[in-house]
Amino acid sequence: MRMRRPVATAATLLSLGSVPALAVAQPAAVAPTAVPVSSVPAYAGPGAVPVSPVVAQPVEPTAPELTGIARREKEDPGSDRAYLARTALVAPKGTVTIQARAPLAPGALGGISASMGRVEIGVSTVLIAEEEGGAFGFNAKVQLLKGRRTALAVTLDTLSPPDEDETLYAPSLVASFCADGDACNTLLSAHLTMFALDGEEEAPVFAGVSFAKGRRGKLVGELHITDNEQESIFAGYLGGRWGGAKLAFDAGIGFAGVLEDDSSSGCIDYCYEDDDPEVIPYPFVGLSARL
């Protein structure tokens, strides 16, 4: 009996001492781990339509809206002239303009020109009624300055009659500006044009003004005058222009006259010779096409 008690006591102590050991040996509890929401697949219930990601479509850049001189040049195929007189505007780069105007004392003028940006070069021909062949011409324009609403250019026109050595030269300086701001529905121009002929000493200089008012339908006019001691010579045009950016049609009245300053002849305003007035009106038409 005495031997069993120490054994039982020792067994009891051993069994109590093993409880902490077993507790230490037990695996530790694992703490829950947070899962990012983005990694959890979306759950679609029965009948639900899967949501696809929205992909932004690329936006193409839009060209800025043209204003002022640039707008006028693009929208009017006849913007490089009033009727006969050239303005300081040049057709858009890379375009070709075909023009025809008639009558021309009496006759017809046809021409074609190409734009290289600030430079425009072309050729033309004049056909005269009851005349064999036609006069050949060359024209060039250089736009010296171009602002938002103003432009300045120099031009040169030549005309060579067939089978003749004489050539007519008409250099010009012209300034144009938009009178109504960026809309440029009213274009005003001031001209200085000299006419020089081979073998002639005199080279009259004409001062002139021109205007083109409107957008698709325009009122177009011009007036040029030169003066010397004996007389003043003037020429002009008043008419309309209709059309769009590729094709425009002109129609109006051209006129020219002489104002004599001779008190001995009794002339005050207009002089008459053989009962015929010196002011001669002509109906004029024109066509401009841009390619």
Protein backbone atom coordinates (compact mmCIF):
# COMPACT_ATOMS: atom_id res chain seq x y z
CA MET A 1 0.00 0.00 0.00
CA ARG A 2 2.79 2.45 0.81
CA MET A 3 4.50 1.74 -2.50
CA ARG A 4 1.39 2.42 -4.57
CA ARG A 5 0.84 5.93 -3.17
CA PRO A 6 4.20 7.44 -4.36
CA VAL A 7 3.69 5.79 -7.73
CA ALA A 8 0.17 7.19 -8.00
CA THR A 9 1.44 10.63 -6.91
CA ALA A 10 4.21 10.56 -9.48
CA ALA A 11 1.79 9.46 -12.17
CA THR A 12 -0.54 12.30 -11.24
CA LEU A 13 2.27 14.87 -11.39
CA LEU A 14 3.45 13.54 -14.75
CA SER A 15 -0.05 13.72 -16.16
CA LEU A 16 -0.52 17.33 -14.94
CA GLY A 17 2.86 18.38 -16.29
CA SER A 18 1.99 17.03 -19.72
CA VAL A 19 -1.04 19.33 -20.12
CA PRO A 20 1.04 22.49 -20.71
CA ALA A 21 3.30 20.56 -23.03
CA LEU A 22 0.35 19.41 -25.09
CA ALA A 23 -1.05 22.93 -25.08
CA VAL A 24 2.24 24.26 -26.35
CA ALA A 25 2.34 21.61 -29.01
CA GLN A 26 -1.12 22.55 -30.36
CA PRO A 27 -0.93 24.63 -33.53
CA ALA A 28 -1.71 28.31 -33.10
CA ALA A 29 -4.98 29.62 -34.44
CA VAL A 30 -4.60 31.26 -37.92
CA ALA A 31 -5.85 34.85 -38.10
CA PRO A 32 -8.20 35.58 -41.04
CA THR A 33 -6.46 37.26 -43.99
CA ALA A 34 -8.07 40.27 -45.77
CA VAL A 35 -8.62 39.69 -49.50
CA PRO A 36 -8.66 42.73 -51.85
CA VAL A 37 -12.07 43.34 -53.35
CA SER A 38 -10.59 43.69 -56.81
CA SER A 39 -9.38 40.06 -56.67
CA VAL A 40 -12.82 38.68 -55.88
CA PRO A 41 -14.60 37.67 -59.08
CA ALA A 42 -17.94 39.33 -59.61
CA TYR A 43 -20.87 37.06 -59.10
CA ALA A 44 -23.62 37.19 -61.65
CA GLY A 45 -26.91 35.78 -60.57
CA PRO A 46 -29.13 33.74 -62.80
CA GLY A 47 -30.14 35.72 -65.90
CA ALA A 48 -27.70 38.57 -65.18
CA VAL A 49 -25.78 40.08 -68.09
CA PRO A 50 -22.03 40.17 -67.54
CA VAL A 51 -20.73 43.72 -67.25
CA SER A 52 -17.91 44.41 -69.67
CA PRO A 53 -15.40 47.15 -68.94
CA VAL A 54 -16.02 50.50 -70.70
CA VAL A 55 -13.22 51.38 -73.12
CA ALA A 56 -12.86 55.07 -73.92
CA GLN A 57 -12.88 55.74 -77.66
CA PRO A 58 -10.07 57.94 -78.99
CA VAL A 59 -11.23 61.44 -79.87
CA GLU A 60 -9.92 62.79 -83.17
CA PRO A 61 -8.66 66.37 -82.94
CA THR A 62 -10.83 68.85 -84.80
CA ALA A 63 -9.36 71.57 -86.99
CA PRO A 64 -9.70 75.06 -85.54
CA GLU A 65 -12.40 77.21 -87.12
CA LEU A 66 -11.03 79.64 -89.68
CA THR A 67 -11.54 83.34 -89.13
CA GLY A 68 -10.83 86.59 -90.90
CA ILE A 69 -8.69 86.54 -94.03
CA ALA A 70 -8.16 82.76 -93.94
CA ARG A 71 -11.92 82.18 -93.82
CA ARG A 72 -12.54 84.50 -96.78
CA GLU A 73 -9.84 82.82 -98.83
CA LYS A 74 -11.34 79.37 -98.26
CA GLU A 75 -15.04 80.20 -98.70
CA ASP A 76 -14.86 82.34 -101.87
CA PRO A 77 -13.16 80.99 -105.05
CA GLY A 78 -13.11 84.57 -106.37
CA SER A 79 -11.62 86.08 -103.22
CA ASP A 80 -8.33 86.85 -104.98
CA ARG A 81 -10.03 89.61 -107.01
CA ALA A 82 -12.86 92.12 -106.97
CA TYR A 83 -13.90 91.80 -110.61
CA LEU A 84 -10.80 92.73 -112.56
CA ALA A 85 -8.58 94.18 -109.84
CA ARG A 86 -6.74 91.67 -107.69
CA THR A 87 -7.06 91.69 -103.91
CA ALA A 88 -4.29 90.78 -101.45
CA LEU A 89 -5.86 87.36 -100.78
CA VAL A 90 -4.41 84.10 -102.12
CA ALA A 91 -6.24 80.83 -102.65
CA PRO A 92 -5.48 78.02 -100.13
CA LYS A 93 -2.22 76.17 -100.70
CA GLY A 94 -2.37 73.36 -103.26
CA THR A 95 -5.53 74.56 -105.01
CA VAL A 96 -6.02 75.48 -108.67
CA THR A 97 -8.45 78.23 -109.69
CA ILE A 98 -9.99 78.58 -113.14
CA GLN A 99 -11.59 81.91 -114.04
CA ALA A 100 -13.42 83.36 -117.03
CA ARG A 101 -14.74 86.90 -117.49
CA ALA A 102 -16.52 88.56 -120.41
CA PRO A 103 -17.01 90.81 -122.25
CA LEU A 104 -13.71 92.63 -122.19
CA ALA A 105 -13.90 95.62 -124.58
CA PRO A 106 -15.55 93.43 -126.12
CA GLY A 107 -13.91 90.09 -125.60
CA ALA A 108 -13.30 87.38 -123.06
CA LEU A 109 -10.61 86.75 -120.49
CA GLY A 110 -9.78 83.26 -119.30
CA GLY A 111 -7.11 82.14 -116.89
CA ILE A 112 -5.84 79.41 -114.62
CA SER A 113 -3.67 79.87 -111.53
CA ALA A 114 -2.09 77.65 -108.89
CA SER A 115 -1.49 78.53 -105.25
CA MET A 116 1.67 77.56 -103.38
CA GLY A 117 0.70 79.15 -100.10
CA ARG A 118 1.77 82.79 -100.09
CA VAL A 119 2.58 82.74 -103.82
CA GLU A 120 0.15 82.39 -106.73
CA ILE A 121 1.19 81.95 -110.37
CA GLY A 122 -1.00 81.68 -113.44
CA VAL A 123 -1.47 82.21 -117.15
CA SER A 124 -4.31 83.85 -119.04
CA THR A 125 -5.52 84.65 -122.52
CA VAL A 126 -7.66 87.43 -123.96
CA LEU A 127 -9.81 86.82 -127.01
CA ILE A 128 -10.95 89.89 -128.94
CA ALA A 129 -13.90 89.83 -131.30
CA GLU A 130 -12.97 89.98 -135.00
CA GLU A 131 -9.32 89.47 -134.18
CA GLU A 132 -7.29 86.46 -135.16
CA GLY A 133 -5.67 84.66 -132.28
CA GLY A 134 -5.57 85.97 -128.75
CA ALA A 135 -3.28 87.83 -126.42
CA PHE A 136 -1.30 85.72 -123.96
CA GLY A 137 -0.81 86.81 -120.37
CA PHE A 138 1.12 85.87 -117.27
CA ASN A 139 0.24 86.75 -113.68
CA ALA A 140 1.93 86.36 -110.32
CA LYS A 141 1.05 87.41 -106.79
CA VAL A 142 3.18 87.39 -103.66
CA GLN A 143 1.46 87.88 -100.31
CA LEU A 144 3.95 89.97 -98.36
CA LEU A 145 2.00 90.09 -95.11
CA LYS A 146 -0.92 88.08 -93.81
CA GLY A 147 -2.55 88.76 -90.48
CA ARG A 148 -5.78 87.65 -88.96
CA ARG A 149 -7.79 90.44 -90.62
CA THR A 150 -5.34 92.15 -92.99
CA ALA A 151 -3.14 91.22 -95.93
CA LEU A 152 -0.67 93.00 -98.22
CA ALA A 153 0.44 91.74 -101.63
CA VAL A 154 2.24 92.73 -104.82
CA THR A 155 1.00 91.47 -108.18
CA LEU A 156 2.19 91.51 -111.77
CA ASP A 157 0.07 90.98 -114.88
CA THR A 158 1.44 90.98 -118.41
CA LEU A 159 -0.36 90.85 -121.75
CA SER A 160 1.31 90.22 -125.10
CA PRO A 161 -0.76 90.62 -128.30
CA PRO A 162 -0.11 88.02 -131.01
CA ASP A 163 2.51 88.82 -133.65
CA GLU A 164 3.53 92.00 -131.87
CA ASP A 165 6.60 92.90 -129.86
CA GLU A 166 4.76 95.18 -127.45
CA THR A 167 3.89 93.85 -124.02
CA LEU A 168 1.66 95.52 -121.46
CA TYR A 169 2.88 95.36 -117.85
CA ALA A 170 0.58 96.02 -114.90
CA PRO A 171 2.33 95.82 -111.51
CA SER A 172 0.14 96.51 -108.48
CA LEU A 173 0.35 96.98 -104.74
CA VAL A 174 -2.82 96.07 -102.85
CA ALA A 175 -3.86 96.00 -99.20
CA SER A 176 -7.02 94.20 -98.04
CA PHE A 177 -8.69 94.04 -94.65
CA CYS A 178 -11.84 92.65 -93.04
CA ALA A 179 -14.10 95.57 -92.15
CA ASP A 180 -16.36 93.52 -89.84
CA GLY A 181 -13.82 91.56 -87.78
CA ASP A 182 -13.30 87.81 -87.76
CA ALA A 183 -16.45 87.09 -89.79
CA CYS A 184 -14.85 88.94 -92.75
CA ASN A 185 -18.16 89.23 -94.58
CA THR A 186 -17.01 92.65 -95.81
CA LEU A 187 -13.62 92.83 -97.51
CA LEU A 188 -12.18 96.23 -98.45
CA SER A 189 -9.10 96.74 -100.62
CA ALA A 190 -6.95 99.69 -101.68
CA HIS A 191 -5.05 99.46 -104.99
CA LEU A 192 -2.16 101.19 -106.72
CA THR A 193 -1.72 99.95 -110.29
CA MET A 194 0.67 101.12 -113.00
CA PHE A 195 0.26 100.41 -116.72
CA ALA A 196 3.45 100.39 -118.78
CA LEU A 197 3.76 99.51 -122.46
CA ASP A 198 6.95 98.64 -124.30
CA GLY A 199 8.26 101.68 -126.16
CA GLU A 200 6.03 104.16 -124.31
CA GLU A 201 7.42 106.76 -121.92
CA GLU A 202 4.18 107.40 -120.09
CA ALA A 203 3.10 104.90 -117.44
CA PRO A 204 -0.12 106.06 -115.80
CA VAL A 205 -0.78 105.01 -112.21
CA PHE A 206 -4.34 104.26 -111.18
CA ALA A 207 -5.46 104.57 -107.58
CA GLY A 208 -8.46 102.46 -106.69
CA VAL A 209 -10.70 100.93 -104.07
CA SER A 210 -12.81 97.78 -104.12
CA PHE A 211 -15.18 95.94 -101.84
CA ALA A 212 -16.97 92.59 -101.60
CA LYS A 213 -19.79 92.47 -99.05
CA GLY A 214 -21.73 89.33 -98.11
CA ARG A 215 -21.12 85.63 -97.66
CA ARG A 216 -22.84 83.35 -100.20
CA GLY A 217 -24.38 86.29 -102.06
CA LYS A 218 -22.02 89.28 -102.35
CA LEU A 219 -22.20 92.83 -103.61
CA VAL A 220 -18.94 93.52 -105.46
CA GLY A 221 -17.64 96.85 -106.68
CA GLU A 222 -14.45 98.64 -107.66
CA LEU A 223 -13.38 102.05 -108.92
CA HIS A 224 -10.01 103.18 -110.29
CA ILE A 225 -8.93 106.62 -111.48
CA THR A 226 -5.84 108.35 -112.83
CA ASP A 227 -5.33 112.04 -113.39
CA ASN A 228 -3.10 114.29 -115.48
CA GLU A 229 -3.20 117.94 -116.52
CA GLN A 230 -5.69 117.48 -119.34
CA GLU A 231 -8.03 114.71 -118.23
CA SER A 232 -8.95 112.08 -115.69
CA ILE A 233 -9.62 108.52 -116.74
CA PHE A 234 -11.72 106.25 -114.57
CA ALA A 235 -13.00 102.68 -114.75
CA GLY A 236 -15.12 100.61 -112.43
CA TYR A 237 -17.55 97.78 -111.89
CA LEU A 238 -20.63 97.09 -109.77
CA GLY A 239 -22.37 93.74 -109.57
CA GLY A 240 -22.97 90.60 -107.56
CA ARG A 241 -21.38 87.23 -106.89
CA TRP A 242 -23.22 84.05 -105.97
CA GLY A 243 -21.95 80.60 -105.09
CA GLY A 244 -20.05 78.53 -102.56
CA ALA A 245 -16.48 77.49 -101.81
CA LYS A 246 -15.93 75.68 -105.12
CA LEU A 247 -17.92 77.64 -107.70
CA ALA A 248 -18.97 81.30 -107.93
CA PHE A 249 -20.75 83.28 -110.64
CA ASP A 250 -20.38 87.04 -111.24
CA ALA A 251 -22.71 89.42 -113.08
CA GLY A 252 -22.72 93.21 -113.18
CA ILE A 253 -22.02 96.40 -115.09
CA GLY A 254 -18.56 97.62 -115.97
CA PHE A 255 -17.99 101.22 -116.97
CA ALA A 256 -15.22 103.59 -118.04
CA GLY A 257 -15.01 107.25 -118.91
CA VAL A 258 -12.97 110.39 -119.30
CA LEU A 259 -13.36 113.60 -117.32
CA GLU A 260 -11.75 116.45 -119.23
CA ASP A 261 -10.45 119.60 -117.54
CA ASP A 262 -10.58 122.14 -120.36
CA SER A 263 -12.38 125.40 -119.62
CA SER A 264 -12.15 126.55 -123.21
CA SER A 265 -14.20 123.65 -124.42
CA GLY A 266 -17.01 124.37 -121.99
CA CYS A 267 -16.83 120.94 -120.38
CA ILE A 268 -17.86 120.92 -116.71
CA ASP A 269 -18.66 117.36 -115.68
CA TYR A 270 -18.67 115.12 -118.73
CA CYS A 271 -17.59 115.97 -122.24
CA TYR A 272 -19.39 114.71 -125.29
CA GLU A 273 -17.91 114.07 -128.66
CA ASP A 274 -20.14 113.56 -131.70
CA ASP A 275 -23.13 113.42 -129.34
CA ASP A 276 -21.75 110.21 -127.79
CA PRO A 277 -21.07 110.16 -124.04
CA GLU A 278 -17.60 109.25 -122.86
CA VAL A 279 -19.01 107.05 -120.10
CA ILE A 280 -19.47 103.63 -121.63
CA PRO A 281 -21.27 100.88 -119.64
CA TYR A 282 -20.92 97.18 -120.45
CA PRO A 283 -22.62 94.13 -118.99
CA PHE A 284 -20.05 91.77 -117.52
CA VAL A 285 -20.24 88.15 -116.36
CA GLY A 286 -17.65 85.98 -114.67
CA LEU A 287 -17.08 82.46 -113.37
CA SER A 288 -14.60 81.13 -110.80
CA ALA A 289 -14.04 77.43 -110.12
CA ARG A 290 -11.62 76.00 -107.57
CA LEU A 291 -10.12 72.53 -107.87
